[in-house]
Amino acid sequence: MDEVTRTAVEAAAFRRLVAHLQARTDVQNIDLMNLAGFCRNCLSNWYQAEAEARGVALDKAQAREIVYGMPYEAWKARHQTEASPAQLAAFEVNKPSE
């Protein structure tokens, strides 16, 4: 696979991942963190870092809006639920050390 095609395929896969996460509002970030070690916020942070590495100014709120499909505070108000004690306990075990 040539570099241009690889980049196009990777970009398309990323867009599908973002669309999937936007559609699956029932999946909480803490569940993603506990199972996969990353969440929507991680993805938006990576997006922001890669944009900035390429000289594109993008703040945290803008990057989150790209990943969430709406302002972060609106997503939280509509979709975020209170974490259960079990979710919080699992997060303490699995949280990143960064």
C-alpha atoms as a PDB file:
ATOM      1  CA  MET A   1       0.000   0.000   0.000  1.00  0.00           C
ATOM      2  CA  ASP A   2       1.459   3.362  -0.946  1.00  0.00           C
ATOM      3  CA  GLU A   3       1.766   6.184   1.590  1.00  0.00           C
ATOM      4  CA  VAL A   4      -1.104   8.305   0.180  1.00  0.00           C
ATOM      5  CA  THR A   5      -3.489   5.356   0.217  1.00  0.00           C
ATOM      6  CA  ARG A   6      -2.380   4.328   3.711  1.00  0.00           C
ATOM      7  CA  THR A   7      -3.021   7.841   5.005  1.00  0.00           C
ATOM      8  CA  ALA A   8      -6.460   7.898   3.345  1.00  0.00           C
ATOM      9  CA  VAL A   9      -7.360   4.506   4.832  1.00  0.00           C
ATOM     10  CA  GLU A  10      -6.165   5.555   8.292  1.00  0.00           C
ATOM     11  CA  ALA A  11      -8.143   8.804   8.062  1.00  0.00           C
ATOM     12  CA  ALA A  12     -11.287   6.935   7.008  1.00  0.00           C
ATOM     13  CA  ALA A  13     -10.873   4.434   9.857  1.00  0.00           C
ATOM     14  CA  PHE A  14     -10.407   7.320  12.315  1.00  0.00           C
ATOM     15  CA  ARG A  15     -13.586   9.006  11.047  1.00  0.00           C
ATOM     16  CA  ARG A  16     -15.486   5.729  11.487  1.00  0.00           C
ATOM     17  CA  LEU A  17     -14.160   5.383  15.036  1.00  0.00           C
ATOM     18  CA  VAL A  18     -15.228   8.928  15.879  1.00  0.00           C
ATOM     19  CA  ALA A  19     -18.682   8.384  14.322  1.00  0.00           C
ATOM     20  CA  HIS A  20     -19.033   5.145  16.275  1.00  0.00           C
ATOM     21  CA  LEU A  21     -18.116   6.840  19.557  1.00  0.00           C
ATOM     22  CA  GLN A  22     -20.522   9.688  18.808  1.00  0.00           C
ATOM     23  CA  ALA A  23     -23.327   7.203  18.157  1.00  0.00           C
ATOM     24  CA  ARG A  24     -22.581   5.065  21.225  1.00  0.00           C
ATOM     25  CA  THR A  25     -23.400   7.646  23.859  1.00  0.00           C
ATOM     26  CA  ASP A  26     -24.408   4.769  26.144  1.00  0.00           C
ATOM     27  CA  VAL A  27     -20.736   3.839  26.470  1.00  0.00           C
ATOM     28  CA  GLN A  28     -19.241   5.985  29.181  1.00  0.00           C
ATOM     29  CA  ASN A  29     -15.664   7.262  29.075  1.00  0.00           C
ATOM     30  CA  ILE A  30     -14.852   5.447  32.309  1.00  0.00           C
ATOM     31  CA  ASP A  31     -15.903   2.168  30.657  1.00  0.00           C
ATOM     32  CA  LEU A  32     -13.649   2.899  27.686  1.00  0.00           C
ATOM     33  CA  MET A  33     -10.761   3.695  30.026  1.00  0.00           C
ATOM     34  CA  ASN A  34     -11.318   0.550  32.069  1.00  0.00           C
ATOM     35  CA  LEU A  35     -11.542  -1.723  29.038  1.00  0.00           C
ATOM     36  CA  ALA A  36      -9.324  -0.093  26.420  1.00  0.00           C
ATOM     37  CA  GLY A  37      -7.061   2.286  28.301  1.00  0.00           C
ATOM     38  CA  PHE A  38      -8.289   5.341  26.397  1.00  0.00           C
ATOM     39  CA  CYS A  39     -11.470   7.378  26.084  1.00  0.00           C
ATOM     40  CA  ARG A  40     -12.981  10.184  24.034  1.00  0.00           C
ATOM     41  CA  ASN A  41     -10.930  12.729  25.994  1.00  0.00           C
ATOM     42  CA  CYS A  42      -7.713  10.833  25.233  1.00  0.00           C
ATOM     43  CA  LEU A  43      -8.625  10.736  21.556  1.00  0.00           C
ATOM     44  CA  SER A  44      -9.302  14.470  21.519  1.00  0.00           C
ATOM     45  CA  ASN A  45      -5.985  15.126  23.285  1.00  0.00           C
ATOM     46  CA  TRP A  46      -4.151  13.054  20.651  1.00  0.00           C
ATOM     47  CA  TYR A  47      -6.002  14.904  17.897  1.00  0.00           C
ATOM     48  CA  GLN A  48      -5.031  18.267  19.382  1.00  0.00           C
ATOM     49  CA  ALA A  49      -1.384  17.230  19.795  1.00  0.00           C
ATOM     50  CA  GLU A  50      -1.140  16.002  16.193  1.00  0.00           C
ATOM     51  CA  ALA A  51      -2.762  19.180  14.873  1.00  0.00           C
ATOM     52  CA  GLU A  52      -0.344  21.328  16.858  1.00  0.00           C
ATOM     53  CA  ALA A  53       2.605  19.188  15.692  1.00  0.00           C
ATOM     54  CA  ARG A  54       1.608  20.180  12.176  1.00  0.00           C
ATOM     55  CA  GLY A  55       1.298  23.878  12.992  1.00  0.00           C
ATOM     56  CA  VAL A  56      -2.497  23.904  13.298  1.00  0.00           C
ATOM     57  CA  ALA A  57      -3.773  25.853  16.287  1.00  0.00           C
ATOM     58  CA  LEU A  58      -6.490  23.843  17.997  1.00  0.00           C
ATOM     59  CA  ASP A  59      -7.523  24.258  21.603  1.00  0.00           C
ATOM     60  CA  LYS A  60      -8.819  21.560  23.930  1.00  0.00           C
ATOM     61  CA  ALA A  61     -12.471  22.578  23.514  1.00  0.00           C
ATOM     62  CA  GLN A  62     -12.226  22.517  19.714  1.00  0.00           C
ATOM     63  CA  ALA A  63     -10.586  19.089  19.703  1.00  0.00           C
ATOM     64  CA  ARG A  64     -13.213  17.713  22.070  1.00  0.00           C
ATOM     65  CA  GLU A  65     -16.016  19.086  19.909  1.00  0.00           C
ATOM     66  CA  ILE A  66     -14.545  17.246  16.906  1.00  0.00           C
ATOM     67  CA  VAL A  67     -14.495  13.950  18.812  1.00  0.00           C
ATOM     68  CA  TYR A  68     -17.765  14.358  20.725  1.00  0.00           C
ATOM     69  CA  GLY A  69     -19.691  15.914  17.833  1.00  0.00           C
ATOM     70  CA  MET A  70     -20.866  18.716  20.101  1.00  0.00           C
ATOM     71  CA  PRO A  71     -19.426  20.900  22.851  1.00  0.00           C
ATOM     72  CA  TYR A  72     -18.068  18.727  25.656  1.00  0.00           C
ATOM     73  CA  GLU A  73     -20.271  20.302  28.328  1.00  0.00           C
ATOM     74  CA  ALA A  74     -23.380  19.607  26.220  1.00  0.00           C
ATOM     75  CA  TRP A  75     -22.333  15.963  25.776  1.00  0.00           C
ATOM     76  CA  LYS A  76     -21.729  15.582  29.505  1.00  0.00           C
ATOM     77  CA  ALA A  77     -25.121  17.100  30.335  1.00  0.00           C
ATOM     78  CA  ARG A  78     -26.937  14.836  27.857  1.00  0.00           C
ATOM     79  CA  HIS A  79     -25.063  11.567  28.138  1.00  0.00           C
ATOM     80  CA  GLN A  80     -22.669  11.272  31.072  1.00  0.00           C
ATOM     81  CA  THR A  81     -23.873   9.294  34.046  1.00  0.00           C
ATOM     82  CA  GLU A  82     -22.507   9.031  37.564  1.00  0.00           C
ATOM     83  CA  ALA A  83     -19.751   6.427  37.775  1.00  0.00           C
ATOM     84  CA  SER A  84     -20.594   3.427  39.927  1.00  0.00           C
ATOM     85  CA  PRO A  85     -18.357   2.345  42.800  1.00  0.00           C
ATOM     86  CA  ALA A  86     -17.304  -0.679  40.693  1.00  0.00           C
ATOM     87  CA  GLN A  87     -16.374   1.545  37.736  1.00  0.00           C
ATOM     88  CA  LEU A  88     -14.364   3.849  39.998  1.00  0.00           C
ATOM     89  CA  ALA A  89     -12.578   0.913  41.644  1.00  0.00           C
ATOM     90  CA  ALA A  90     -11.688  -0.549  38.235  1.00  0.00           C
ATOM     91  CA  PHE A  91     -10.424   2.847  37.098  1.00  0.00           C
ATOM     92  CA  GLU A  92      -8.126   3.085  40.121  1.00  0.00           C
ATOM     93  CA  VAL A  93      -6.558  -0.219  39.082  1.00  0.00           C
ATOM     94  CA  ASN A  94      -6.414   0.545  35.345  1.00  0.00           C
ATOM     95  CA  LYS A  95      -5.817   4.304  35.155  1.00  0.00           C
ATOM     96  CA  PRO A  96      -2.853   5.554  33.160  1.00  0.00           C
ATOM     97  CA  SER A  97       0.248   6.412  35.151  1.00  0.00           C
ATOM     98  CA  GLU A  98       0.828   9.610  33.143  1.00  0.00           C
END
